[in-house]
Structures are given as C-alpha cells and as structure tokens.
Amino acid sequence: KVFHGEDMVRAVKNRSFSNLQGFDPATTTATRVHLFAHRYSKAVEGPKDKLTWHTGLLMEWSHGLFTTVFELAWYNGLSGYAGKSNWVRDKESRPTALYTAMPDGMKAPWREDLCELRATDHPAHSVEEFSAYLDEYTGTRPTDRFLDPSIVSSHDVCLSLRGLADVMQYMINYAGADRSYHEESRNCQTFSADFLGFLIGQKKVEPYHPLMRVLYKPRHHQFLYDC
C-alpha cells in the first residue's frame, strides 16, 4: 500500500494502514532509530561522486515486524523513476510493485528544485538485518546499489509522542514548512540531522559530511507545526 499526505495519518487512525497479521498501527510506537550513510554504486566514480553521500534514518517499531526507512529526496523522484526504490528487491521489475501501488495522482516527472519525504517500510526486523541488506547490494555489479554503506549511530527514541500517527504527522509538518530542495543546504543529510536530533532530543546533531555542515541550520521546530 502507498499513502501520501494526510492519508497517512487517516490510515493509521482507521487501521487501514496495513493488513499484516499482528500489526496494529494505532498502538505502534517508535523505539530505536539508526542513522545510515552510503554512496551510490558506480563502476567508475568521478570526483563529485566520491563526495556525494546519501543518508537516512532506519526506524524500529514496538511490534518488531518490520522497520521503516525515512529519507528526503527530489519531489516525485520515485514516480519519475517508475518506482525504482533502493529499498525494495524488485527495483528492476517492470513495473515494480511500488509503482503499481502508487495512486495515479503521485505519478509525475521529478522536480530537482523541490523535495519530498519518504517513509518506506522494509522487511528487515532489526538494524542487523538492514545492514546485511546494504551489504548484499554493495559493489559495482550492474545489480548493486550502494558503496561504503555504514550504520553511523544508533539511539533510543526519546519523544513522548512517538506513535505511528505522530511520526507521520511530523513528516507532513516538516515537508509542508519548506518544500524546496537545495544540494548545499536542504537535502537528505540536513533532513537526517534534523529528524535524528528531534527524535532523540539532542541539539548538536550535524549532517554526515563536513561539507554539508558549513551552511547547516537546525530546523527541529518544523516537525511540530502544521501551519
């Protein structure tokens, strides 16, 4: 299933979020969060490729049935690339299950000047299983996706309000506060730093790469407000 915008929160509250046995979205809470980083697989890397790191957060939940990858990327990037997500195994299928499940209103060309936030459920039950998934697709083979992946840090989620509906609302608020994408100042690394600092109650969380720290200004408050 694919939900977007306020439909994510409604699906949690009316329990239509998933039909997975043993999963109750209304009682699910975030328990642990892990910052991960990787470069993209290329047979030959150029100078910029070696400086281009993607970061995201892996969330563990109280039910232990799956984890969720949170990331910021180009607006309509997934639909523009026909649902070819690095977090699903059928990435090279035509079409992917993700693309088939997308509402038609989400299918449009990508925009490099705007961003979207993505929450992709992953079958890994733990950070160890997720790390094994990263390793499985690491290298320079045609089917590989990552280079030098790592779990950078791991933390308990400290928010008082950390239910699934709460987390979805935080994502909506942050995306609505500023829809722009900037390679230097609003990107996957700045989002990861903002969201991680917000979830664990720490002010001094910075983007992964030193170059991204130069213009970085924390925006934890953007998760809290819907106006």
C-alpha atoms as a PDB file:
ATOM      1  CA  LYS A   1       0.000   0.000   0.000  1.00  0.00           C
ATOM      2  CA  VAL A   2       1.079   3.576  -0.679  1.00  0.00           C
ATOM      3  CA  PHE A   3      -0.296   6.546   1.257  1.00  0.00           C
ATOM      4  CA  HIS A   4       0.649  10.193   0.969  1.00  0.00           C
ATOM      5  CA  GLY A   5      -0.072  13.415   2.826  1.00  0.00           C
ATOM      6  CA  GLU A   6      -2.867  13.419   5.396  1.00  0.00           C
ATOM      7  CA  ASP A   7      -3.984   9.999   4.146  1.00  0.00           C
ATOM      8  CA  MET A   8      -1.032   8.515   6.059  1.00  0.00           C
ATOM      9  CA  VAL A   9      -2.432   9.718   9.378  1.00  0.00           C
ATOM     10  CA  ARG A  10      -6.008   8.753   8.486  1.00  0.00           C
ATOM     11  CA  ALA A  11      -4.875   5.245   7.511  1.00  0.00           C
ATOM     12  CA  VAL A  12      -3.226   4.782  10.901  1.00  0.00           C
ATOM     13  CA  LYS A  13      -6.247   6.012  12.822  1.00  0.00           C
ATOM     14  CA  ASN A  14      -8.800   3.937  10.897  1.00  0.00           C
ATOM     15  CA  ARG A  15      -6.481   0.899  10.893  1.00  0.00           C
ATOM     16  CA  SER A  16      -6.355   0.588   7.092  1.00  0.00           C
ATOM     17  CA  PHE A  17      -2.600   1.210   7.058  1.00  0.00           C
ATOM     18  CA  SER A  18      -1.763  -2.463   6.599  1.00  0.00           C
ATOM     19  CA  ASN A  19      -3.362  -5.900   6.726  1.00  0.00           C
ATOM     20  CA  LEU A  20      -0.199  -7.515   8.086  1.00  0.00           C
ATOM     21  CA  GLN A  21      -1.130 -10.049  10.741  1.00  0.00           C
ATOM     22  CA  GLY A  22      -0.189  -8.941  14.258  1.00  0.00           C
ATOM     23  CA  PHE A  23       0.277  -5.303  13.267  1.00  0.00           C
ATOM     24  CA  ASP A  24      -1.881  -2.658  14.941  1.00  0.00           C
ATOM     25  CA  PRO A  25      -0.971   0.814  13.649  1.00  0.00           C
ATOM     26  CA  ALA A  26      -2.935   2.528  16.404  1.00  0.00           C
ATOM     27  CA  THR A  27      -0.736   1.078  19.158  1.00  0.00           C
ATOM     28  CA  THR A  28       2.611   1.089  17.318  1.00  0.00           C
ATOM     29  CA  THR A  29       5.377   3.278  18.757  1.00  0.00           C
ATOM     30  CA  ALA A  30       8.894   4.141  17.588  1.00  0.00           C
ATOM     31  CA  THR A  31      11.563   2.559  19.785  1.00  0.00           C
ATOM     32  CA  ARG A  32      15.006   2.843  18.150  1.00  0.00           C
ATOM     33  CA  VAL A  33      16.449   4.963  15.332  1.00  0.00           C
ATOM     34  CA  HIS A  34      19.643   4.464  13.332  1.00  0.00           C
ATOM     35  CA  LEU A  35      21.459   6.900  11.054  1.00  0.00           C
ATOM     36  CA  PHE A  36      22.877   5.243   7.923  1.00  0.00           C
ATOM     37  CA  ALA A  37      25.005   6.567   5.070  1.00  0.00           C
ATOM     38  CA  HIS A  38      26.175   5.335   1.671  1.00  0.00           C
ATOM     39  CA  ARG A  39      27.405   6.470  -1.701  1.00  0.00           C
ATOM     40  CA  TYR A  40      25.750   5.247  -4.887  1.00  0.00           C
ATOM     41  CA  SER A  41      27.111   2.297  -6.831  1.00  0.00           C
ATOM     42  CA  LYS A  42      29.059   3.274  -9.946  1.00  0.00           C
ATOM     43  CA  ALA A  43      31.639   1.320 -11.903  1.00  0.00           C
ATOM     44  CA  VAL A  44      33.819   4.430 -12.099  1.00  0.00           C
ATOM     45  CA  GLU A  45      33.401   7.264  -9.605  1.00  0.00           C
ATOM     46  CA  GLY A  46      34.138  10.864 -10.514  1.00  0.00           C
ATOM     47  CA  PRO A  47      35.340  13.477  -8.006  1.00  0.00           C
ATOM     48  CA  LYS A  48      31.785  14.601  -7.179  1.00  0.00           C
ATOM     49  CA  ASP A  49      30.568  11.002  -6.788  1.00  0.00           C
ATOM     50  CA  LYS A  50      33.130  10.442  -4.048  1.00  0.00           C
ATOM     51  CA  LEU A  51      31.719  13.422  -2.138  1.00  0.00           C
ATOM     52  CA  THR A  52      28.059  12.503  -2.666  1.00  0.00           C
ATOM     53  CA  TRP A  53      26.683  10.663   0.355  1.00  0.00           C
ATOM     54  CA  HIS A  54      23.054   9.741   0.896  1.00  0.00           C
ATOM     55  CA  THR A  55      21.834   9.487   4.468  1.00  0.00           C
ATOM     56  CA  GLY A  56      18.576   8.389   6.012  1.00  0.00           C
ATOM     57  CA  LEU A  57      17.114   7.018   9.212  1.00  0.00           C
ATOM     58  CA  LEU A  58      16.038   3.460   9.922  1.00  0.00           C
ATOM     59  CA  MET A  59      13.232   3.284  12.478  1.00  0.00           C
ATOM     60  CA  GLU A  60      12.495   0.270  14.657  1.00  0.00           C
ATOM     61  CA  TRP A  61       8.945  -0.119  16.000  1.00  0.00           C
ATOM     62  CA  SER A  62       7.403  -1.698  19.078  1.00  0.00           C
ATOM     63  CA  HIS A  63       5.796  -4.511  17.045  1.00  0.00           C
ATOM     64  CA  GLY A  64       9.137  -5.783  15.681  1.00  0.00           C
ATOM     65  CA  LEU A  65       7.535  -6.927  12.406  1.00  0.00           C
ATOM     66  CA  PHE A  66       9.420  -4.574  10.070  1.00  0.00           C
ATOM     67  CA  THR A  67      11.458  -1.375  10.041  1.00  0.00           C
ATOM     68  CA  THR A  68      10.990   1.871   8.102  1.00  0.00           C
ATOM     69  CA  VAL A  69      13.452   3.939   6.076  1.00  0.00           C
ATOM     70  CA  PHE A  70      12.942   7.715   6.326  1.00  0.00           C
ATOM     71  CA  GLU A  71      14.626   9.963   3.775  1.00  0.00           C
ATOM     72  CA  LEU A  72      14.379  13.237   1.865  1.00  0.00           C
ATOM     73  CA  ALA A  73      14.823  13.328  -1.904  1.00  0.00           C
ATOM     74  CA  TRP A  74      13.651  15.026  -5.096  1.00  0.00           C
ATOM     75  CA  TYR A  75       9.933  15.664  -5.392  1.00  0.00           C
ATOM     76  CA  ASN A  76       8.276  12.896  -7.450  1.00  0.00           C
ATOM     77  CA  GLY A  77      11.643  11.166  -7.636  1.00  0.00           C
ATOM     78  CA  LEU A  78      10.185   7.708  -7.028  1.00  0.00           C
ATOM     79  CA  SER A  79       7.378   8.041  -9.537  1.00  0.00           C
ATOM     80  CA  GLY A  80       9.619   9.794 -12.072  1.00  0.00           C
ATOM     81  CA  TYR A  81      11.931   6.784 -11.921  1.00  0.00           C
ATOM     82  CA  ALA A  82       8.981   4.361 -12.219  1.00  0.00           C
ATOM     83  CA  GLY A  83       9.068   3.251  -8.580  1.00  0.00           C
ATOM     84  CA  LYS A  84      12.704   2.113  -8.659  1.00  0.00           C
ATOM     85  CA  SER A  85      13.443   2.387  -4.951  1.00  0.00           C
ATOM     86  CA  ASN A  86      16.681   1.107  -3.446  1.00  0.00           C
ATOM     87  CA  TRP A  87      14.679  -0.267  -0.519  1.00  0.00           C
ATOM     88  CA  VAL A  88      12.666  -2.865  -2.471  1.00  0.00           C
ATOM     89  CA  ARG A  89      14.014  -6.036  -4.016  1.00  0.00           C
ATOM     90  CA  ASP A  90      12.047  -5.781  -7.263  1.00  0.00           C
ATOM     91  CA  LYS A  91      13.711  -2.498  -8.280  1.00  0.00           C
ATOM     92  CA  GLU A  92      14.459  -3.749 -11.804  1.00  0.00           C
ATOM     93  CA  SER A  93      10.968  -5.182 -12.414  1.00  0.00           C
ATOM     94  CA  ARG A  94       8.685  -3.575 -14.990  1.00  0.00           C
ATOM     95  CA  PRO A  95       6.628  -2.320 -13.283  1.00  0.00           C
ATOM     96  CA  THR A  96       7.690  -2.501  -9.661  1.00  0.00           C
ATOM     97  CA  ALA A  97       5.116  -3.348  -7.012  1.00  0.00           C
ATOM     98  CA  LEU A  98       5.697   0.104  -5.527  1.00  0.00           C
ATOM     99  CA  TYR A  99       4.858   1.852  -8.792  1.00  0.00           C
ATOM    100  CA  THR A 100       1.772  -0.307  -9.293  1.00  0.00           C
ATOM    101  CA  ALA A 101       0.520   0.601  -5.811  1.00  0.00           C
ATOM    102  CA  MET A 102       1.054   4.349  -6.267  1.00  0.00           C
ATOM    103  CA  PRO A 103      -2.072   6.462  -6.760  1.00  0.00           C
ATOM    104  CA  ASP A 104      -2.120   7.945 -10.263  1.00  0.00           C
ATOM    105  CA  GLY A 105      -2.000  11.430  -8.772  1.00  0.00           C
ATOM    106  CA  MET A 106       1.506  10.721  -7.463  1.00  0.00           C
ATOM    107  CA  LYS A 107       2.906   9.738 -10.859  1.00  0.00           C
ATOM    108  CA  ALA A 108       4.630  12.733 -12.414  1.00  0.00           C
ATOM    109  CA  PRO A 109       8.090  13.880 -13.576  1.00  0.00           C
ATOM    110  CA  TRP A 110      10.558  14.639 -10.816  1.00  0.00           C
ATOM    111  CA  ARG A 111      11.465  18.143  -9.728  1.00  0.00           C
ATOM    112  CA  GLU A 112      15.063  18.873  -8.716  1.00  0.00           C
ATOM    113  CA  ASP A 113      14.124  22.155  -7.019  1.00  0.00           C
ATOM    114  CA  LEU A 114      11.526  20.617  -4.681  1.00  0.00           C
ATOM    115  CA  CYS A 115      11.705  17.856  -2.085  1.00  0.00           C
ATOM    116  CA  GLU A 116       9.552  15.097  -0.686  1.00  0.00           C
ATOM    117  CA  LEU A 117       9.878  12.963   2.420  1.00  0.00           C
ATOM    118  CA  ARG A 118       9.598   9.203   2.063  1.00  0.00           C
ATOM    119  CA  ALA A 119       8.808   6.530   4.616  1.00  0.00           C
ATOM    120  CA  THR A 120       9.416   3.100   3.088  1.00  0.00           C
ATOM    121  CA  ASP A 121       8.650   0.029   5.171  1.00  0.00           C
ATOM    122  CA  HIS A 122      11.442  -2.534   4.956  1.00  0.00           C
ATOM    123  CA  PRO A 123      11.229  -6.270   5.724  1.00  0.00           C
ATOM    124  CA  ALA A 124      14.326  -6.147   7.968  1.00  0.00           C
ATOM    125  CA  HIS A 125      13.317  -6.817  11.571  1.00  0.00           C
ATOM    126  CA  SER A 126      16.406  -5.200  13.051  1.00  0.00           C
ATOM    127  CA  VAL A 127      19.319  -2.941  12.219  1.00  0.00           C
ATOM    128  CA  GLU A 128      21.479  -6.035  11.843  1.00  0.00           C
ATOM    129  CA  GLU A 129      19.210  -7.406   9.116  1.00  0.00           C
ATOM    130  CA  PHE A 130      19.111  -3.993   7.448  1.00  0.00           C
ATOM    131  CA  SER A 131      22.905  -3.810   7.496  1.00  0.00           C
ATOM    132  CA  ALA A 132      23.007  -7.223   5.823  1.00  0.00           C
ATOM    133  CA  TYR A 133      20.649  -5.890   3.136  1.00  0.00           C
ATOM    134  CA  LEU A 134      23.011  -2.965   2.496  1.00  0.00           C
ATOM    135  CA  ASP A 135      25.946  -5.361   2.213  1.00  0.00           C
ATOM    136  CA  GLU A 136      24.022  -7.599  -0.199  1.00  0.00           C
ATOM    137  CA  TYR A 137      23.689  -4.763  -2.704  1.00  0.00           C
ATOM    138  CA  THR A 138      27.125  -3.205  -2.200  1.00  0.00           C
ATOM    139  CA  GLY A 139      29.653  -3.215  -5.039  1.00  0.00           C
ATOM    140  CA  THR A 140      29.981  -2.274  -8.686  1.00  0.00           C
ATOM    141  CA  ARG A 141      27.953  -5.055 -10.318  1.00  0.00           C
ATOM    142  CA  PRO A 142      25.025  -3.944 -12.522  1.00  0.00           C
ATOM    143  CA  THR A 143      22.574  -5.024  -9.813  1.00  0.00           C
ATOM    144  CA  ASP A 144      24.379  -3.245  -6.968  1.00  0.00           C
ATOM    145  CA  ARG A 145      23.080  -0.063  -5.369  1.00  0.00           C
ATOM    146  CA  PHE A 146      25.486   1.098  -2.672  1.00  0.00           C
ATOM    147  CA  LEU A 147      29.123   1.890  -1.949  1.00  0.00           C
ATOM    148  CA  ASP A 148      30.669   2.108   1.523  1.00  0.00           C
ATOM    149  CA  PRO A 149      27.398   1.778   3.460  1.00  0.00           C
ATOM    150  CA  SER A 150      27.512   2.111   7.230  1.00  0.00           C
ATOM    151  CA  ILE A 151      25.312   2.422  10.280  1.00  0.00           C
ATOM    152  CA  VAL A 152      26.667   5.693  11.643  1.00  0.00           C
ATOM    153  CA  SER A 153      24.892   5.807  15.016  1.00  0.00           C
ATOM    154  CA  SER A 154      22.036   4.205  16.953  1.00  0.00           C
ATOM    155  CA  HIS A 155      19.760   5.709  19.590  1.00  0.00           C
ATOM    156  CA  ASP A 156      16.610   5.247  21.640  1.00  0.00           C
ATOM    157  CA  VAL A 157      13.675   7.393  20.509  1.00  0.00           C
ATOM    158  CA  CYS A 158      13.064   9.828  23.372  1.00  0.00           C
ATOM    159  CA  LEU A 159       9.932  11.677  22.228  1.00  0.00           C
ATOM    160  CA  SER A 160       6.923  11.408  24.498  1.00  0.00           C
ATOM    161  CA  LEU A 161       4.587  11.344  21.477  1.00  0.00           C
ATOM    162  CA  ARG A 162       6.145   8.672  19.265  1.00  0.00           C
ATOM    163  CA  GLY A 163       3.194   6.721  17.930  1.00  0.00           C
ATOM    164  CA  LEU A 164       2.995   5.893  14.230  1.00  0.00           C
ATOM    165  CA  ALA A 165       0.398   8.623  13.611  1.00  0.00           C
ATOM    166  CA  ASP A 166       2.615  11.113  15.457  1.00  0.00           C
ATOM    167  CA  VAL A 167       5.634  10.253  13.322  1.00  0.00           C
ATOM    168  CA  MET A 168       3.621  10.534  10.098  1.00  0.00           C
ATOM    169  CA  GLN A 169       2.346  13.968  11.195  1.00  0.00           C
ATOM    170  CA  TYR A 170       5.906  15.122  11.934  1.00  0.00           C
ATOM    171  CA  MET A 171       6.843  14.189   8.371  1.00  0.00           C
ATOM    172  CA  ILE A 172       3.888  16.089   6.925  1.00  0.00           C
ATOM    173  CA  ASN A 173       4.693  19.165   9.007  1.00  0.00           C
ATOM    174  CA  TYR A 174       8.373  19.213   8.021  1.00  0.00           C
ATOM    175  CA  ALA A 175       7.641  18.792   4.335  1.00  0.00           C
ATOM    176  CA  GLY A 176       4.970  21.481   4.420  1.00  0.00           C
ATOM    177  CA  ALA A 177       7.187  24.019   6.170  1.00  0.00           C
ATOM    178  CA  ASP A 178       9.637  24.207   3.266  1.00  0.00           C
ATOM    179  CA  ARG A 179       9.177  22.268   0.048  1.00  0.00           C
ATOM    180  CA  SER A 180      12.444  23.406  -1.534  1.00  0.00           C
ATOM    181  CA  TYR A 181      15.439  21.216  -2.314  1.00  0.00           C
ATOM    182  CA  HIS A 182      18.960  22.625  -2.318  1.00  0.00           C
ATOM    183  CA  GLU A 183      22.005  20.482  -2.923  1.00  0.00           C
ATOM    184  CA  GLU A 184      24.024  22.560  -0.451  1.00  0.00           C
ATOM    185  CA  SER A 185      21.558  23.328   2.328  1.00  0.00           C
ATOM    186  CA  ARG A 186      18.297  21.298   2.244  1.00  0.00           C
ATOM    187  CA  ASN A 187      18.860  17.709   1.291  1.00  0.00           C
ATOM    188  CA  CYS A 188      18.928  14.168   2.629  1.00  0.00           C
ATOM    189  CA  GLN A 189      21.747  14.939   5.066  1.00  0.00           C
ATOM    190  CA  THR A 190      20.176  18.052   6.578  1.00  0.00           C
ATOM    191  CA  PHE A 191      16.849  16.222   6.976  1.00  0.00           C
ATOM    192  CA  SER A 192      18.532  13.245   8.628  1.00  0.00           C
ATOM    193  CA  ALA A 193      20.303  15.542  11.088  1.00  0.00           C
ATOM    194  CA  ASP A 194      17.099  17.455  11.840  1.00  0.00           C
ATOM    195  CA  PHE A 195      14.959  14.346  12.309  1.00  0.00           C
ATOM    196  CA  LEU A 196      17.538  12.470  14.354  1.00  0.00           C
ATOM    197  CA  GLY A 197      18.110  15.430  16.678  1.00  0.00           C
ATOM    198  CA  PHE A 198      14.357  15.830  17.072  1.00  0.00           C
ATOM    199  CA  LEU A 199      13.731  12.146  17.817  1.00  0.00           C
ATOM    200  CA  ILE A 200      16.488  11.792  20.402  1.00  0.00           C
ATOM    201  CA  GLY A 201      16.325  15.273  21.964  1.00  0.00           C
ATOM    202  CA  GLN A 202      19.828  16.376  21.018  1.00  0.00           C
ATOM    203  CA  LYS A 203      20.703  19.821  19.641  1.00  0.00           C
ATOM    204  CA  LYS A 204      24.205  19.083  18.387  1.00  0.00           C
ATOM    205  CA  VAL A 205      23.421  16.569  15.650  1.00  0.00           C
ATOM    206  CA  GLU A 206      25.061  17.637  12.381  1.00  0.00           C
ATOM    207  CA  PRO A 207      24.914  16.406   8.763  1.00  0.00           C
ATOM    208  CA  TYR A 208      27.083  13.402   7.946  1.00  0.00           C
ATOM    209  CA  HIS A 209      29.628  15.009   5.622  1.00  0.00           C
ATOM    210  CA  PRO A 210      31.729  18.007   6.767  1.00  0.00           C
ATOM    211  CA  LEU A 211      30.874  19.938   3.591  1.00  0.00           C
ATOM    212  CA  MET A 212      27.175  19.782   4.468  1.00  0.00           C
ATOM    213  CA  ARG A 213      27.827  21.298   7.905  1.00  0.00           C
ATOM    214  CA  VAL A 214      29.008  24.639   6.532  1.00  0.00           C
ATOM    215  CA  LEU A 215      25.546  26.043   5.734  1.00  0.00           C
ATOM    216  CA  TYR A 216      23.538  23.818   8.072  1.00  0.00           C
ATOM    217  CA  LYS A 217      20.982  25.392  10.393  1.00  0.00           C
ATOM    218  CA  PRO A 218      18.900  23.028  12.551  1.00  0.00           C
ATOM    219  CA  ARG A 219      15.167  23.128  11.867  1.00  0.00           C
ATOM    220  CA  HIS A 220      13.787  20.794  14.533  1.00  0.00           C
ATOM    221  CA  HIS A 221      10.798  23.095  15.045  1.00  0.00           C
ATOM    222  CA  GLN A 222       9.492  22.336  11.557  1.00  0.00           C
ATOM    223  CA  PHE A 223       8.334  18.902  12.720  1.00  0.00           C
ATOM    224  CA  LEU A 224       5.958  20.390  15.284  1.00  0.00           C
ATOM    225  CA  TYR A 225       3.728  22.812  13.439  1.00  0.00           C
ATOM    226  CA  ASP A 226       1.173  22.299  10.685  1.00  0.00           C
ATOM    227  CA  CYS A 227       0.797  25.912   9.646  1.00  0.00           C
END
